[in-house]
Amino acid sequence: MKHRAVSLKLFLLCLTLFFSGSAVRVGAAPASMDVEVISYGARDDATLERESRTDPNAQAEWGRRLLIRGRYAEALPLLAKASELRIPSAMTNYAFLLVNGFGVMKNIPKARGLFTKAAEMGSVAAMNNLGWMHQNGHGGPVDHSAAVSWYRRAATLGYAPGQASLAYMYENGLGVPRNQAESAAWYAKAAEQGNATAQNNLGVLCLKGEGTAADHAAAFRWFQKAAEQGDPAGQYNLGYVLERGMGVPADAKSASLWYEKSAIQGYVPAQYALGSFFHTAGEPSKALVWFQKAADKGNAYALNSLGIMHQNGEGVDANATKAVFYYSRASEAGLTEAFYNLGYLYENGLGVPKDAAKAASLYSQAAGKGNPSALYALGWLYHDGSGVPCDKSKAVECFLKAAELGHPLSLTSMGQACESGTGVPKNCVRAYAWYCLAVENGQRQASRFLDALRREMDPRQLSEAETMLREMRQRLHGES
């Protein structure tokens, strides 16, 4: 075999859609927004504060307003007093403080007891939050069936967060058989009421065509509604569809603005996406900032990207030692591409002592997860007997697997193996077909090999080769 090229690619991996976690936790907004003391809703703050000194219902409402404003220490005694008088809204909001440790030491058992009493008195917010406690095992064992029961009670009474939570359970098959259609129906009920979590998650189902007809335009609309309410997952997903032109003309600039809104809120997928945007736009310094933010929260893709940028000196001085650090952390998180990239450094002695056996081990881990670049690199180690016993047949097995995954350099290597009879029976017809596929995938070196081989083949062999090429295209790409 005559040619080996090593290509290290920047693995800014394909972004994915995200369901918002707020569907199943005591939400980012304070619990019990559906307070029972409706008659106090029109009171101005001064009047309400004055009345709260003697009126338990005013205490409950004034405590709720303080809670919403983040004045937890002031809200706590008001809600505690009103809870003692069994005012459901106060019990629910007091429990919310206890669950989160806002203004008070966390007390999960007491919170669960308050949610239970308030739920039994008809508080839909308490029903939803009690479902969350059962679902996540707070104050007792995990009990998805009980969680579904409480979510359903809240949902049936028209409470949008309860509807979104019930939809989540159907979507994931928790406590009920997995049912995407039922999930979509409950998300729709909550989304129509303006629940941002449901709007985002319904958008995901519309985009994927799960439980409802695939409709990218509808997905865009739901993501937009969620995003405009400040939902970070909705903002991220809106950026996702804008970047790819799904349901709307592609608009990378607008996508980046929505990614930024989400990233500023600390939403890790958006921080990584924004880093990717800036990297693609040729602004490595900005990319580094956002990759670092995501990496600091353990995002494996961002760690891997930081490794590549330090290795290549993008936005920073090239530093292979730092690249090793970031690749190592990303590989510890299980990222396939990081195993390959770290293996490349060990094979070539970049930032670490040269260690072909270590490289082979890392390539093997990535190859076992279907990474074509790792399969290709591992194939050459077997071919050369570097870090592993020399085994030309295993080398070809690796090249073939990588080629079947569309790895361009492996297409060339398969052509070389077939032409020379290295690790496989010599077969110029098959070599011709592999070289053609490599040329179609942009491999200039394969073009030279192909021209030389074509001159040595007779018309019958060329005809057979063209027939084989069509068959291989069909098998590899589904093309004629």
Protein backbone atom coordinates (compact mmCIF):
# COMPACT_ATOMS: atom_id res chain seq x y z
CA MET A 1 0.00 0.00 0.00
CA LYS A 2 1.35 3.38 -1.01
CA HIS A 3 -0.35 6.18 0.82
CA ARG A 4 -1.44 7.24 4.23
CA ALA A 5 -2.91 10.59 5.20
CA VAL A 6 -3.90 11.52 8.71
CA SER A 7 -6.71 14.02 9.09
CA LEU A 8 -7.67 15.54 12.43
CA LYS A 9 -11.07 17.12 12.13
CA LEU A 10 -12.70 19.63 14.41
CA PHE A 11 -15.54 17.66 15.89
CA LEU A 12 -18.11 20.36 16.50
CA LEU A 13 -20.77 17.74 16.78
CA CYS A 14 -24.32 17.87 15.52
CA LEU A 15 -26.52 19.81 17.87
CA THR A 16 -29.58 18.13 19.30
CA LEU A 17 -32.99 19.27 20.45
CA PHE A 18 -33.63 19.53 24.15
CA PHE A 19 -36.73 19.00 26.21
CA SER A 20 -36.95 21.42 29.09
CA GLY A 21 -36.37 19.87 32.50
CA SER A 22 -38.81 22.30 34.07
CA ALA A 23 -41.62 20.02 33.01
CA VAL A 24 -40.83 17.80 35.96
CA ARG A 25 -39.55 19.95 38.78
CA VAL A 26 -40.90 22.66 41.00
CA GLY A 27 -40.63 25.20 38.27
CA ALA A 28 -38.30 28.09 37.72
CA ALA A 29 -41.27 30.32 38.57
CA PRO A 30 -42.52 30.15 42.18
CA ALA A 31 -44.96 27.39 42.95
CA SER A 32 -48.70 28.04 43.26
CA MET A 33 -49.25 30.87 40.86
CA ASP A 34 -52.96 29.98 40.92
CA VAL A 35 -53.51 31.41 44.41
CA GLU A 36 -56.93 30.96 45.90
CA VAL A 37 -57.13 34.46 47.45
CA ILE A 38 -58.27 36.00 44.17
CA SER A 39 -60.07 38.84 45.94
CA TYR A 40 -56.72 40.25 47.02
CA GLY A 41 -55.27 40.37 43.50
CA ALA A 42 -56.23 44.02 42.95
CA ARG A 43 -54.75 45.28 46.22
CA ASP A 44 -51.78 47.60 45.89
CA ASP A 45 -48.67 46.59 47.81
CA ALA A 46 -49.03 49.15 50.58
CA THR A 47 -52.62 48.15 51.31
CA LEU A 48 -51.86 44.46 51.14
CA GLU A 49 -48.86 44.78 53.44
CA ARG A 50 -50.96 46.68 56.00
CA GLU A 51 -53.79 44.13 55.87
CA SER A 52 -51.33 41.24 56.19
CA ARG A 53 -50.68 42.22 59.79
CA THR A 54 -54.08 40.89 60.81
CA ASP A 55 -55.64 39.06 57.84
CA PRO A 56 -54.36 35.52 57.12
CA ASN A 57 -55.52 35.65 53.48
CA ALA A 58 -53.65 38.93 53.02
CA GLN A 59 -50.62 37.27 54.62
CA ALA A 60 -50.83 34.47 52.05
CA GLU A 61 -51.07 36.88 49.11
CA TRP A 62 -48.44 39.33 50.35
CA GLY A 63 -46.12 36.40 51.08
CA ARG A 64 -46.68 35.15 47.53
CA ARG A 65 -45.76 38.51 46.05
CA LEU A 66 -42.61 38.71 48.12
CA LEU A 67 -41.71 35.16 47.07
CA ILE A 68 -42.09 36.04 43.39
CA ARG A 69 -39.76 39.01 43.90
CA GLY A 70 -37.13 36.85 45.54
CA ARG A 71 -37.61 38.40 48.98
CA TYR A 72 -37.68 34.98 50.60
CA ALA A 73 -36.74 35.95 54.15
CA GLU A 74 -39.66 38.40 54.26
CA ALA A 75 -42.08 35.96 52.64
CA LEU A 76 -41.23 33.10 55.00
CA PRO A 77 -42.96 34.21 58.26
CA LEU A 78 -46.07 35.38 56.39
CA LEU A 79 -46.47 32.09 54.54
CA ALA A 80 -45.67 30.08 57.66
CA LYS A 81 -48.38 31.86 59.66
CA ALA A 82 -50.97 31.50 56.92
CA SER A 83 -50.04 27.84 56.51
CA GLU A 84 -50.85 27.17 60.15
CA LEU A 85 -54.39 28.32 59.34
CA ARG A 86 -54.51 25.82 56.45
CA ILE A 87 -54.71 28.30 53.60
CA PRO A 88 -53.79 26.07 50.62
CA SER A 89 -51.91 28.69 48.60
CA ALA A 90 -49.77 29.60 51.61
CA MET A 91 -49.08 25.95 52.37
CA THR A 92 -47.99 25.37 48.79
CA ASN A 93 -45.72 28.39 48.63
CA TYR A 94 -44.28 27.75 52.09
CA ALA A 95 -43.47 24.22 50.97
CA PHE A 96 -41.79 25.68 47.88
CA LEU A 97 -39.44 27.64 50.13
CA LEU A 98 -38.71 24.54 52.19
CA VAL A 99 -37.99 22.41 49.11
CA ASN A 100 -35.50 24.90 47.72
CA GLY A 101 -34.04 26.20 50.96
CA PHE A 102 -35.00 29.77 50.10
CA GLY A 103 -34.84 31.89 53.24
CA VAL A 104 -34.92 28.78 55.41
CA MET A 105 -33.09 25.48 55.87
CA LYS A 106 -34.27 22.82 53.45
CA ASN A 107 -36.84 20.51 54.97
CA ILE A 108 -38.04 18.00 52.41
CA PRO A 109 -40.28 15.89 54.69
CA LYS A 110 -42.11 18.96 55.97
CA ALA A 111 -42.50 20.31 52.43
CA ARG A 112 -43.94 17.03 51.26
CA GLY A 113 -46.41 17.03 54.12
CA LEU A 114 -47.54 20.55 53.27
CA PHE A 115 -47.89 19.74 49.58
CA THR A 116 -49.97 16.69 50.48
CA LYS A 117 -52.33 18.65 52.74
CA ALA A 118 -52.71 21.47 50.23
CA ALA A 119 -53.29 19.02 47.38
CA GLU A 120 -56.00 17.24 49.34
CA MET A 121 -57.62 20.65 49.84
CA GLY A 122 -57.66 21.22 46.08
CA SER A 123 -54.48 23.20 45.31
CA VAL A 124 -53.54 22.23 41.78
CA ALA A 125 -50.04 23.66 42.18
CA ALA A 126 -49.56 21.45 45.25
CA MET A 127 -50.82 18.44 43.27
CA ASN A 128 -48.25 19.12 40.57
CA ASN A 129 -45.40 19.67 43.02
CA LEU A 130 -46.37 16.59 45.00
CA GLY A 131 -46.22 14.63 41.77
CA TRP A 132 -42.71 15.98 41.25
CA MET A 133 -41.69 14.78 44.71
CA HIS A 134 -43.01 11.28 44.04
CA GLN A 135 -41.34 11.21 40.65
CA ASN A 136 -37.93 12.18 41.96
CA GLY A 137 -38.02 10.42 45.33
CA HIS A 138 -37.98 13.52 47.52
CA GLY A 139 -39.22 12.74 51.00
CA GLY A 140 -39.95 9.14 50.07
CA PRO A 141 -39.20 6.45 47.49
CA VAL A 142 -39.50 7.11 43.77
CA ASP A 143 -43.07 6.28 42.76
CA HIS A 144 -43.87 7.12 39.15
CA SER A 145 -47.40 5.76 39.39
CA ALA A 146 -48.19 8.09 42.30
CA ALA A 147 -46.57 10.96 40.41
CA VAL A 148 -48.78 10.31 37.40
CA SER A 149 -51.84 10.18 39.64
CA TRP A 150 -51.13 13.62 41.10
CA TYR A 151 -50.14 15.11 37.76
CA ARG A 152 -53.34 13.78 36.23
CA ARG A 153 -55.46 15.33 38.97
CA ALA A 154 -53.86 18.72 38.37
CA ALA A 155 -54.01 18.32 34.60
CA THR A 156 -57.66 17.32 34.58
CA LEU A 157 -58.46 20.47 36.54
CA GLY A 158 -56.84 22.48 33.75
CA TYR A 159 -53.56 23.35 35.48
CA ALA A 160 -51.03 23.91 32.68
CA PRO A 161 -47.87 22.86 34.59
CA GLY A 162 -49.67 19.65 35.59
CA GLN A 163 -50.61 19.04 31.97
CA ALA A 164 -47.01 19.56 30.90
CA SER A 165 -45.78 17.23 33.64
CA LEU A 166 -48.26 14.52 32.68
CA ALA A 167 -47.23 14.90 29.05
CA TYR A 168 -43.60 14.40 30.08
CA MET A 169 -44.48 11.15 31.83
CA TYR A 170 -46.25 9.84 28.73
CA GLU A 171 -43.37 11.00 26.56
CA ASN A 172 -40.86 9.04 28.63
CA GLY A 173 -43.04 6.10 29.69
CA LEU A 174 -42.75 6.89 33.41
CA GLY A 175 -45.58 5.40 35.46
CA VAL A 176 -47.62 4.90 32.28
CA PRO A 177 -46.98 3.10 28.98
CA ARG A 178 -45.01 5.34 26.62
CA ASN A 179 -47.51 7.11 24.39
CA GLN A 180 -46.29 9.94 22.19
CA ALA A 181 -49.77 10.81 20.93
CA GLU A 182 -51.05 11.20 24.49
CA SER A 183 -47.96 13.21 25.33
CA ALA A 184 -48.51 15.56 22.40
CA ALA A 185 -52.17 16.02 23.34
CA TRP A 186 -51.35 17.07 26.91
CA TYR A 187 -48.50 19.30 25.80
CA ALA A 188 -50.92 20.97 23.40
CA LYS A 189 -53.40 21.68 26.19
CA ALA A 190 -50.71 23.28 28.31
CA ALA A 191 -49.10 25.09 25.38
CA GLU A 192 -52.40 26.69 24.40
CA GLN A 193 -52.55 28.10 27.95
CA GLY A 194 -49.15 29.69 27.43
CA ASN A 195 -46.98 27.23 29.35
CA ALA A 196 -43.48 27.77 27.95
CA THR A 197 -42.20 24.32 28.84
CA ALA A 198 -45.07 22.68 26.99
CA GLN A 199 -44.62 25.00 24.03
CA ASN A 200 -40.98 24.01 23.72
CA ASN A 201 -41.61 20.30 24.15
CA LEU A 202 -44.54 20.30 21.74
CA GLY A 203 -42.25 22.01 19.24
CA VAL A 204 -39.79 19.14 19.58
CA LEU A 205 -42.52 16.58 18.92
CA CYS A 206 -43.71 18.55 15.88
CA LEU A 207 -40.17 18.71 14.54
CA LYS A 208 -39.60 14.99 15.00
CA GLY A 209 -43.09 13.91 14.00
CA GLU A 210 -43.56 11.99 17.24
CA GLY A 211 -47.13 11.74 18.50
CA THR A 212 -48.21 14.26 15.91
CA ALA A 213 -47.62 14.91 12.23
CA ALA A 214 -44.16 16.22 11.41
CA ASP A 215 -44.56 19.94 10.90
CA HIS A 216 -41.45 22.11 10.95
CA ALA A 217 -43.44 25.32 10.59
CA ALA A 218 -45.52 24.43 13.66
CA ALA A 219 -42.34 23.51 15.54
CA PHE A 220 -40.89 26.92 14.73
CA ARG A 221 -44.02 28.67 15.99
CA TRP A 222 -44.03 26.78 19.29
CA PHE A 223 -40.32 27.33 19.84
CA GLN A 224 -40.83 31.02 19.14
CA LYS A 225 -43.63 31.26 21.70
CA ALA A 226 -41.51 29.53 24.34
CA ALA A 227 -38.45 31.59 23.48
CA GLU A 228 -40.30 34.87 23.70
CA GLN A 229 -41.30 33.93 27.25
CA GLY A 230 -37.64 33.52 28.13
CA ASP A 231 -37.56 29.71 28.22
CA PRO A 232 -33.87 28.80 27.66
CA ALA A 233 -34.61 25.46 26.00
CA GLY A 234 -37.09 27.17 23.70
CA GLN A 235 -34.55 29.85 22.85
CA TYR A 236 -31.94 27.21 22.08
CA ASN A 237 -34.30 25.17 19.93
CA LEU A 238 -35.47 28.28 18.09
CA GLY A 239 -31.85 28.98 17.27
CA TYR A 240 -31.46 25.37 16.16
CA VAL A 241 -34.25 25.53 13.58
CA LEU A 242 -33.28 29.01 12.40
CA GLU A 243 -29.71 27.89 11.81
CA ARG A 244 -30.88 24.93 9.72
CA GLY A 245 -33.82 26.53 7.94
CA MET A 246 -36.37 24.13 9.39
CA GLY A 247 -39.87 25.54 8.99
CA VAL A 248 -38.42 28.96 8.23
CA PRO A 249 -35.71 30.36 5.93
CA ALA A 250 -32.23 29.73 7.35
CA ASP A 251 -30.92 32.69 9.30
CA ALA A 252 -27.62 32.04 11.07
CA LYS A 253 -27.43 35.53 12.53
CA SER A 254 -30.85 35.31 14.16
CA ALA A 255 -30.00 31.80 15.35
CA SER A 256 -26.90 33.11 17.09
CA LEU A 257 -28.92 35.81 18.86
CA TRP A 258 -31.32 33.23 20.28
CA TYR A 259 -28.42 30.97 21.25
CA GLU A 260 -26.92 33.93 23.06
CA LYS A 261 -30.14 34.67 24.98
CA SER A 262 -30.24 31.06 26.13
CA ALA A 263 -26.52 30.88 26.82
CA ILE A 264 -26.61 33.98 29.00
CA GLN A 265 -29.15 32.16 31.17
CA GLY A 266 -26.59 29.43 31.67
CA TYR A 267 -28.16 26.87 29.31
CA VAL A 268 -25.21 24.64 28.49
CA PRO A 269 -26.30 23.32 25.06
CA ALA A 270 -26.73 26.92 23.91
CA GLN A 271 -23.32 27.89 25.25
CA TYR A 272 -21.78 25.12 23.19
CA ALA A 273 -23.88 26.05 20.15
CA LEU A 274 -22.84 29.69 20.41
CA GLY A 275 -19.21 28.65 20.63
CA SER A 276 -19.69 26.58 17.49
CA PHE A 277 -21.31 29.53 15.73
CA PHE A 278 -18.40 31.84 16.52
CA HIS A 279 -15.87 29.21 15.52
CA THR A 280 -17.55 28.73 12.15
CA ALA A 281 -17.74 32.51 11.74
CA GLY A 282 -13.98 32.77 12.17
CA GLU A 283 -14.06 34.36 15.61
CA PRO A 284 -12.04 31.89 17.70
CA SER A 285 -11.61 34.21 20.69
CA LYS A 286 -15.37 34.46 21.16
CA ALA A 287 -15.73 30.74 20.50
CA LEU A 288 -13.25 29.98 23.28
CA VAL A 289 -15.24 32.03 25.78
CA TRP A 290 -18.45 30.09 25.22
CA PHE A 291 -16.79 26.71 24.87
CA GLN A 292 -15.09 27.37 28.20
CA LYS A 293 -18.39 28.25 29.89
CA ALA A 294 -19.94 25.01 28.66
CA ALA A 295 -16.81 23.02 29.50
CA ASP A 296 -16.80 24.39 33.04
CA LYS A 297 -20.18 22.69 33.46
CA GLY A 298 -18.85 19.39 32.15
CA ASN A 299 -20.08 19.55 28.54
CA ALA A 300 -18.01 16.92 26.75
CA TYR A 301 -18.43 18.46 23.29
CA ALA A 302 -17.10 21.79 24.54
CA LEU A 303 -14.18 20.09 26.27
CA ASN A 304 -13.32 18.32 23.03
CA SER A 305 -13.58 21.54 21.05
CA LEU A 306 -11.29 23.33 23.49
CA GLY A 307 -8.79 20.53 23.03
CA ILE A 308 -8.83 20.99 19.27
CA MET A 309 -8.49 24.76 19.48
CA HIS A 310 -5.53 24.48 21.85
CA GLN A 311 -3.95 21.83 19.65
CA ASN A 312 -4.34 23.92 16.50
CA GLY A 313 -3.62 27.29 18.10
CA GLU A 314 -7.00 28.81 17.31
CA GLY A 315 -7.52 31.95 19.39
CA VAL A 316 -4.72 30.82 21.71
CA ASP A 317 -1.10 29.76 21.41
CA ALA A 318 -0.87 26.15 20.29
CA ASN A 319 -0.44 23.95 23.34
CA ALA A 320 -0.63 20.19 22.91
CA THR A 321 -0.39 19.61 26.66
CA LYS A 322 -3.59 21.57 27.22
CA ALA A 323 -5.16 19.70 24.32
CA VAL A 324 -4.37 16.43 26.11
CA PHE A 325 -6.02 17.78 29.26
CA TYR A 326 -9.24 18.72 27.51
CA TYR A 327 -9.41 15.55 25.40
CA SER A 328 -8.84 13.48 28.52
CA ARG A 329 -11.73 15.15 30.33
CA ALA A 330 -13.99 14.75 27.32
CA SER A 331 -13.08 11.09 26.97
CA GLU A 332 -13.76 10.54 30.68
CA ALA A 333 -17.26 11.81 29.93
CA GLY A 334 -17.51 9.13 27.23
CA LEU A 335 -17.28 11.29 24.10
CA THR A 336 -16.26 9.06 21.22
CA GLU A 337 -14.49 11.76 19.23
CA ALA A 338 -12.32 12.65 22.22
CA PHE A 339 -10.96 9.09 22.39
CA TYR A 340 -9.91 9.43 18.77
CA ASN A 341 -8.37 12.88 19.21
CA LEU A 342 -6.48 11.80 22.33
CA GLY A 343 -5.29 8.70 20.52
CA TYR A 344 -3.93 10.90 17.73
CA LEU A 345 -1.82 12.83 20.23
CA TYR A 346 -0.43 9.64 21.77
CA GLU A 347 0.34 8.16 18.35
CA ASN A 348 2.27 11.26 17.32
CA GLY A 349 3.78 12.20 20.69
CA LEU A 350 2.05 15.57 20.92
CA GLY A 351 1.81 16.85 24.50
CA VAL A 352 2.56 13.35 25.78
CA PRO A 353 5.32 10.79 25.23
CA LYS A 354 4.75 8.85 22.03
CA ASP A 355 2.88 5.65 22.89
CA ALA A 356 1.47 3.60 20.04
CA ALA A 357 -0.06 1.00 22.35
CA LYS A 358 -1.96 3.71 24.24
CA ALA A 359 -3.04 5.19 20.92
CA ALA A 360 -4.29 1.80 19.77
CA SER A 361 -6.29 1.38 22.97
CA LEU A 362 -7.90 4.79 22.58
CA TYR A 363 -8.62 4.26 18.89
CA SER A 364 -10.17 0.89 19.72
CA GLN A 365 -12.56 2.49 22.21
CA ALA A 366 -13.67 5.06 19.65
CA ALA A 367 -13.81 2.46 16.88
CA GLY A 368 -16.01 0.26 19.04
CA LYS A 369 -18.53 3.11 19.06
CA GLY A 370 -18.45 3.40 15.28
CA ASN A 371 -16.11 6.36 14.84
CA PRO A 372 -14.82 6.13 11.25
CA SER A 373 -11.68 8.21 11.81
CA ALA A 374 -10.68 5.93 14.68
CA LEU A 375 -11.32 2.84 12.57
CA TYR A 376 -9.10 4.26 9.85
CA ALA A 377 -6.30 5.14 12.28
CA LEU A 378 -6.54 1.77 14.01
CA GLY A 379 -6.36 0.08 10.63
CA TRP A 380 -3.01 1.70 9.95
CA LEU A 381 -1.66 0.63 13.32
CA TYR A 382 -2.55 -2.96 12.47
CA HIS A 383 -1.08 -2.52 9.00
CA ASP A 384 2.23 -1.22 10.37
CA GLY A 385 2.31 -3.36 13.54
CA SER A 386 2.55 -0.24 15.65
CA GLY A 387 1.26 -0.67 19.20
CA VAL A 388 -0.51 -3.86 18.13
CA PRO A 389 0.65 -7.02 16.35
CA CYS A 390 0.97 -6.57 12.59
CA ASP A 391 -2.19 -7.97 11.03
CA LYS A 392 -3.03 -6.92 7.48
CA SER A 393 -6.41 -8.69 7.56
CA LYS A 394 -7.49 -6.76 10.66
CA ALA A 395 -6.23 -3.59 9.03
CA VAL A 396 -8.52 -4.18 6.06
CA GLU A 397 -11.43 -5.00 8.38
CA CYS A 398 -10.99 -1.60 9.98
CA PHE A 399 -10.69 0.18 6.65
CA LEU A 400 -13.79 -1.58 5.36
CA LYS A 401 -15.89 -0.62 8.38
CA ALA A 402 -14.73 2.97 8.09
CA ALA A 403 -15.37 3.01 4.35
CA GLU A 404 -18.89 1.70 4.85
CA LEU A 405 -19.41 4.66 7.18
CA GLY A 406 -18.35 6.99 4.37
CA HIS A 407 -14.82 7.80 5.55
CA PRO A 408 -13.10 9.13 2.39
CA LEU A 409 -9.52 8.15 3.22
CA SER A 410 -10.67 4.60 3.99
CA LEU A 411 -12.22 4.36 0.55
CA THR A 412 -8.77 5.01 -0.88
CA SER A 413 -7.16 2.52 1.50
CA MET A 414 -9.64 -0.17 0.44
CA GLY A 415 -8.72 0.49 -3.16
CA GLN A 416 -5.04 0.16 -2.36
CA ALA A 417 -5.59 -3.06 -0.41
CA CYS A 418 -7.57 -4.63 -3.25
CA GLU A 419 -5.09 -3.47 -5.89
CA SER A 420 -2.05 -4.81 -4.04
CA GLY A 421 -3.68 -7.85 -2.44
CA THR A 422 -2.74 -6.67 1.05
CA GLY A 423 -4.98 -8.35 3.64
CA VAL A 424 -7.51 -9.35 0.93
CA PRO A 425 -7.31 -11.24 -2.37
CA LYS A 426 -5.93 -9.07 -5.17
CA ASN A 427 -8.81 -7.73 -7.26
CA CYS A 428 -8.33 -4.84 -9.68
CA VAL A 429 -12.06 -4.65 -10.45
CA ARG A 430 -12.93 -4.08 -6.82
CA ALA A 431 -9.98 -1.70 -6.40
CA TYR A 432 -11.32 0.36 -9.33
CA ALA A 433 -14.74 0.65 -7.67
CA TRP A 434 -13.23 1.72 -4.33
CA TYR A 435 -11.04 4.34 -6.02
CA CYS A 436 -14.05 5.71 -7.88
CA LEU A 437 -15.97 6.08 -4.63
CA ALA A 438 -12.96 7.81 -3.07
CA VAL A 439 -12.72 10.25 -5.99
CA GLU A 440 -16.44 10.99 -5.67
CA ASN A 441 -15.71 11.87 -2.04
CA GLY A 442 -12.99 14.35 -2.94
CA GLN A 443 -9.86 12.20 -2.64
CA ARG A 444 -7.37 13.58 -5.19
CA GLN A 445 -4.76 10.95 -4.37
CA ALA A 446 -7.30 8.27 -5.33
CA SER A 447 -7.75 9.99 -8.70
CA ARG A 448 -4.10 9.36 -9.55
CA PHE A 449 -4.34 5.74 -8.42
CA LEU A 450 -7.49 5.30 -10.48
CA ASP A 451 -5.93 6.71 -13.64
CA ALA A 452 -2.94 4.41 -13.31
CA LEU A 453 -5.12 1.36 -12.68
CA ARG A 454 -7.49 2.16 -15.54
CA ARG A 455 -4.60 2.05 -18.01
CA GLU A 456 -3.82 -1.51 -16.90
CA MET A 457 -7.38 -2.86 -17.20
CA ASP A 458 -8.98 -4.35 -20.29
CA PRO A 459 -12.51 -3.44 -21.51
CA ARG A 460 -14.12 -6.46 -19.87
CA GLN A 461 -12.60 -5.60 -16.48
CA LEU A 462 -13.66 -1.98 -16.83
CA SER A 463 -17.24 -3.04 -17.59
CA GLU A 464 -17.28 -5.34 -14.59
CA ALA A 465 -15.83 -2.55 -12.48
CA GLU A 466 -18.56 -0.11 -13.51
CA THR A 467 -21.20 -2.70 -12.63
CA MET A 468 -19.59 -3.29 -9.25
CA LEU A 469 -19.34 0.46 -8.68
CA ARG A 470 -23.09 0.84 -9.17
CA GLU A 471 -23.73 -2.00 -6.73
CA MET A 472 -21.39 -0.52 -4.14
CA ARG A 473 -22.95 2.93 -4.48
CA GLN A 474 -26.35 1.36 -3.89
CA ARG A 475 -25.13 -0.52 -0.85
CA LEU A 476 -23.21 2.34 0.72
CA HIS A 477 -25.39 5.30 -0.19
CA GLY A 478 -28.68 3.95 -1.50
CA GLU A 479 -27.88 5.54 -4.88
CA SER A 480 -28.07 4.15 -8.37
